[in-house]
């Protein structure tokens, strides 16, 4: 978890028998920029678990995704985030969806975007380019609210 308070950032560590997870956050206050550097994530643990369940070695996975063993190791340790191509490849290899691998990150980003929806500037003069904007904002807010409520 990340604790935030009036321009302060708290670094929280969680120990478990399986892993050590460390989250760090940097805030550009009062802007809306939130940069999360997640060293070990649920994704990394899920990736390792899926590989072990499948019986693959890190070298096997590296070969299948046209990469090298050190990349797979770094992904499994949470030291590196995969690019989009690697995410797709890993989803195919393990027969898992993107959201299954990145559920925690998806939830966090949904919360951030929902917060951003509430701070969108009001456009007084509508034009043909913005006539769908109010409906799109309402649909986005509803979709994010429902998704976050479903997870709770």
Protein backbone atom coordinates (compact mmCIF):
# COMPACT_ATOMS: atom_id res chain seq x y z
CA UNK A 1 0.00 0.00 0.00
CA UNK A 2 1.03 3.61 -0.52
CA UNK A 3 0.22 6.27 2.03
CA UNK A 4 -0.19 9.84 0.85
CA UNK A 5 -0.85 12.95 2.93
CA UNK A 6 -0.62 16.63 2.02
CA UNK A 7 2.51 16.45 -0.05
CA UNK A 8 4.10 13.61 1.90
CA UNK A 9 4.91 10.15 0.66
CA UNK A 10 5.11 7.14 2.94
CA UNK A 11 6.98 4.07 1.84
CA UNK A 12 5.37 0.95 3.21
CA UNK A 13 6.91 -2.47 3.10
CA UNK A 14 5.05 -5.72 3.45
CA UNK A 15 6.85 -8.90 4.42
CA UNK A 16 5.44 -12.31 3.80
CA UNK A 17 6.78 -15.83 3.76
CA UNK A 18 6.68 -15.85 -0.02
CA UNK A 19 8.09 -12.47 -0.92
CA UNK A 20 9.03 -8.98 0.07
CA UNK A 21 6.97 -6.31 -1.66
CA UNK A 22 8.09 -2.72 -1.71
CA UNK A 23 6.11 0.13 -3.16
CA UNK A 24 7.46 3.62 -3.75
CA UNK A 25 5.53 6.62 -4.91
CA UNK A 26 6.61 10.03 -6.06
CA UNK A 27 4.10 12.84 -6.23
CA UNK A 28 4.25 15.99 -8.27
CA UNK A 29 2.10 18.13 -5.95
CA UNK A 30 -0.36 19.81 -6.62
CA UNK A 31 -0.33 18.40 -10.14
CA UNK A 32 -1.95 15.19 -11.13
CA UNK A 33 1.20 13.28 -11.91
CA UNK A 34 1.53 10.11 -9.85
CA UNK A 35 4.49 7.93 -10.68
CA UNK A 36 4.45 4.49 -9.18
CA UNK A 37 7.58 2.43 -9.15
CA UNK A 38 6.53 -1.04 -8.09
CA UNK A 39 9.57 -3.19 -7.48
CA UNK A 40 7.71 -6.41 -6.77
CA UNK A 41 4.15 -6.74 -7.85
CA UNK A 42 1.43 -9.29 -7.92
CA UNK A 43 2.22 -9.54 -11.62
CA UNK A 44 5.75 -10.74 -10.89
CA UNK A 45 4.51 -13.33 -8.43
CA UNK A 46 1.76 -14.47 -10.82
CA UNK A 47 4.26 -14.74 -13.65
CA UNK A 48 6.58 -16.95 -11.61
CA UNK A 49 3.66 -19.06 -10.37
CA UNK A 50 2.33 -19.56 -13.91
CA UNK A 51 5.77 -20.56 -15.19
CA UNK A 52 6.26 -23.08 -12.40
CA UNK A 53 2.75 -24.51 -12.85
CA UNK A 54 3.43 -24.96 -16.55
CA UNK A 55 6.73 -26.73 -15.90
CA UNK A 56 8.66 -24.25 -18.05
CA UNK A 57 12.11 -23.00 -17.18
CA UNK A 58 12.93 -19.31 -17.49
CA UNK A 59 14.96 -20.25 -20.57
CA UNK A 60 11.93 -21.99 -22.08
CA UNK A 61 9.79 -18.89 -21.62
CA UNK A 62 12.57 -16.66 -22.94
CA UNK A 63 12.80 -18.78 -26.06
CA UNK A 64 9.02 -18.74 -26.59
CA UNK A 65 8.84 -14.94 -26.33
CA UNK A 66 12.03 -14.41 -28.37
CA UNK A 67 13.97 -12.96 -25.48
CA UNK A 68 16.59 -14.06 -22.96
CA UNK A 69 16.53 -15.74 -19.56
CA UNK A 70 17.73 -12.63 -17.72
CA UNK A 71 14.68 -10.67 -18.94
CA UNK A 72 12.32 -13.38 -17.68
CA UNK A 73 14.16 -13.38 -14.35
CA UNK A 74 13.87 -9.59 -14.05
CA UNK A 75 10.15 -9.75 -14.88
CA UNK A 76 9.59 -12.44 -12.25
CA UNK A 77 11.51 -10.41 -9.66
CA UNK A 78 9.55 -7.25 -10.44
CA UNK A 79 12.72 -5.42 -11.43
CA UNK A 80 11.38 -4.73 -14.90
CA UNK A 81 8.00 -4.14 -16.47
CA UNK A 82 7.22 -5.89 -19.73
CA UNK A 83 6.50 -3.95 -22.87
CA UNK A 84 3.21 -4.44 -24.69
CA UNK A 85 4.59 -7.11 -27.03
CA UNK A 86 5.95 -9.10 -24.09
CA UNK A 87 2.61 -8.81 -22.26
CA UNK A 88 0.80 -10.22 -25.28
CA UNK A 89 3.39 -13.00 -25.64
CA UNK A 90 3.16 -13.95 -21.97
CA UNK A 91 -0.63 -13.90 -22.13
CA UNK A 92 -0.48 -16.35 -25.04
CA UNK A 93 2.12 -18.62 -23.41
CA UNK A 94 0.20 -18.86 -20.15
CA UNK A 95 -3.32 -18.58 -21.63
CA UNK A 96 -4.13 -15.65 -19.32
CA UNK A 97 -5.64 -12.29 -20.13
CA UNK A 98 -3.85 -8.99 -19.73
CA UNK A 99 -6.21 -8.10 -16.89
CA UNK A 100 -5.45 -11.36 -15.10
CA UNK A 101 -1.77 -10.43 -15.01
CA UNK A 102 -2.26 -6.75 -14.26
CA UNK A 103 -5.39 -6.67 -12.09
CA UNK A 104 -3.77 -4.64 -9.32
CA UNK A 105 -2.32 -2.09 -11.72
CA UNK A 106 -5.62 -1.89 -13.61
CA UNK A 107 -7.48 -1.13 -10.37
CA UNK A 108 -5.02 1.56 -9.38
CA UNK A 109 -5.16 3.22 -12.79
CA UNK A 110 -8.98 3.05 -12.76
CA UNK A 111 -8.97 4.94 -9.44
CA UNK A 112 -6.57 7.56 -10.80
CA UNK A 113 -8.58 8.08 -13.98
CA UNK A 114 -11.85 8.27 -12.02
CA UNK A 115 -10.27 11.05 -9.95
CA UNK A 116 -9.22 12.78 -13.15
CA UNK A 117 -12.78 12.56 -14.52
CA UNK A 118 -13.98 14.63 -11.57
CA UNK A 119 -11.44 17.36 -12.31
CA UNK A 120 -11.99 17.69 -16.06
CA UNK A 121 -12.41 21.34 -17.03
CA UNK A 122 -15.88 22.51 -17.99
CA UNK A 123 -16.23 23.49 -21.61
CA UNK A 124 -18.79 26.27 -21.90
CA UNK A 125 -19.09 26.49 -25.67
CA UNK A 126 -19.86 23.16 -27.30
CA UNK A 127 -18.77 22.50 -30.82
CA UNK A 128 -19.28 19.69 -33.27
CA UNK A 129 -16.03 18.23 -31.93
CA UNK A 130 -17.23 18.12 -28.31
CA UNK A 131 -20.96 17.39 -28.57
CA UNK A 132 -20.44 13.78 -27.35
CA UNK A 133 -18.19 14.85 -24.46
CA UNK A 134 -20.78 15.01 -21.62
CA UNK A 135 -22.19 11.58 -22.46
CA UNK A 136 -18.71 10.09 -22.81
CA UNK A 137 -17.69 11.53 -19.45
CA UNK A 138 -20.81 10.09 -17.79
CA UNK A 139 -20.27 6.66 -19.36
CA UNK A 140 -16.61 6.62 -18.35
CA UNK A 141 -17.43 7.61 -14.78
CA UNK A 142 -20.17 4.97 -14.55
CA UNK A 143 -17.95 2.24 -16.02
CA UNK A 144 -15.06 3.03 -13.66
CA UNK A 145 -17.32 3.30 -10.61
CA UNK A 146 -18.94 -0.05 -11.42
CA UNK A 147 -15.58 -1.74 -12.03
CA UNK A 148 -14.17 -0.50 -8.74
CA UNK A 149 -17.35 -1.43 -6.84
CA UNK A 150 -17.22 -4.93 -8.35
CA UNK A 151 -13.65 -5.41 -7.08
CA UNK A 152 -14.54 -4.31 -3.54
